Amino acid sequence: MTQPNFEAMTRKELKAYMLAHRSNDAAFYAYMDKVNAEPPTEIFPAPKSLDDFQNFPPIIRKIPSRSS
């Protein structure tokens, strides 16, 4: 069986392929490479004190739930 060109696929297409072919390790690794290649949209600093934890609820609400 010939593998599709994972590099030419979009992240969404590759995710759909990976989910349809769950035993295909090459698809999984190609998908993870695409995910890791994208820079994070926002970086949150680690809390340095107990007072910093008061800011966590607004930060958590800002993080979008990504299904892609």
Protein backbone atom coordinates (compact mmCIF):
# COMPACT_ATOMS: atom_id res chain seq x y z
CA MET A 1 0.00 0.00 0.00
CA THR A 2 1.33 3.43 -0.93
CA GLN A 3 1.44 6.11 1.75
CA PRO A 4 -0.13 9.49 0.90
CA ASN A 5 2.10 12.55 0.88
CA PHE A 6 1.69 13.69 4.49
CA GLU A 7 3.78 16.83 3.95
CA ALA A 8 1.35 18.05 1.27
CA MET A 9 -1.67 17.56 3.54
CA THR A 10 -3.03 20.33 5.71
CA ARG A 11 -3.09 19.75 9.43
CA LYS A 12 -6.85 19.18 9.30
CA GLU A 13 -6.58 16.67 6.43
CA LEU A 14 -3.76 14.85 8.16
CA LYS A 15 -5.72 14.63 11.40
CA ALA A 16 -8.69 13.14 9.54
CA TYR A 17 -6.42 10.62 7.83
CA MET A 18 -4.67 9.77 11.09
CA LEU A 19 -8.01 9.18 12.86
CA ALA A 20 -9.23 6.98 10.00
CA HIS A 21 -5.97 4.98 10.02
CA ARG A 22 -5.13 4.78 13.71
CA SER A 23 -2.52 2.06 13.31
CA ASN A 24 -0.47 4.14 10.83
CA ASP A 25 2.48 5.34 12.90
CA ALA A 26 3.89 7.41 10.02
CA ALA A 27 0.66 9.45 9.87
CA PHE A 28 0.76 10.02 13.62
CA TYR A 29 4.39 11.20 13.56
CA ALA A 30 3.73 13.44 10.54
CA TYR A 31 0.77 14.98 12.37
CA MET A 32 2.79 15.57 15.53
CA ASP A 33 5.56 17.17 13.46
CA LYS A 34 3.01 19.62 12.02
CA VAL A 35 1.60 20.38 15.48
CA ASN A 36 5.04 20.96 16.97
CA ALA A 37 6.17 23.10 14.03
CA GLU A 38 3.51 25.71 14.79
CA PRO A 39 4.56 28.29 17.36
CA PRO A 40 2.28 28.70 20.36
CA THR A 41 -0.21 31.52 19.93
CA GLU A 42 0.38 32.84 23.42
CA ILE A 43 2.91 32.02 26.11
CA PHE A 44 1.91 32.18 29.75
CA PRO A 45 4.60 32.60 32.40
CA ALA A 46 4.85 30.11 35.23
CA PRO A 47 3.49 31.34 38.56
CA LYS A 48 6.19 32.62 40.88
CA SER A 49 4.08 33.05 44.00
CA LEU A 50 0.76 32.03 45.48
CA ASP A 51 -0.65 35.39 44.46
CA ASP A 52 0.03 34.55 40.82
CA PHE A 53 -2.49 31.72 41.06
CA GLN A 54 -5.25 34.34 41.35
CA ASN A 55 -4.58 35.17 37.68
CA PHE A 56 -5.08 31.61 36.48
CA PRO A 57 -8.89 31.62 35.99
CA PRO A 58 -8.72 34.46 33.41
CA ILE A 59 -5.80 32.76 31.70
CA ILE A 60 -7.63 29.45 31.52
CA ARG A 61 -10.68 31.14 30.00
CA LYS A 62 -8.42 32.69 27.31
CA ILE A 63 -7.09 29.32 26.17
CA PRO A 64 -9.27 28.08 23.30
CA SER A 65 -10.27 24.45 23.30
CA ARG A 66 -8.70 23.19 20.11
CA SER A 67 -10.10 20.14 18.43
CA SER A 68 -7.73 20.26 15.48
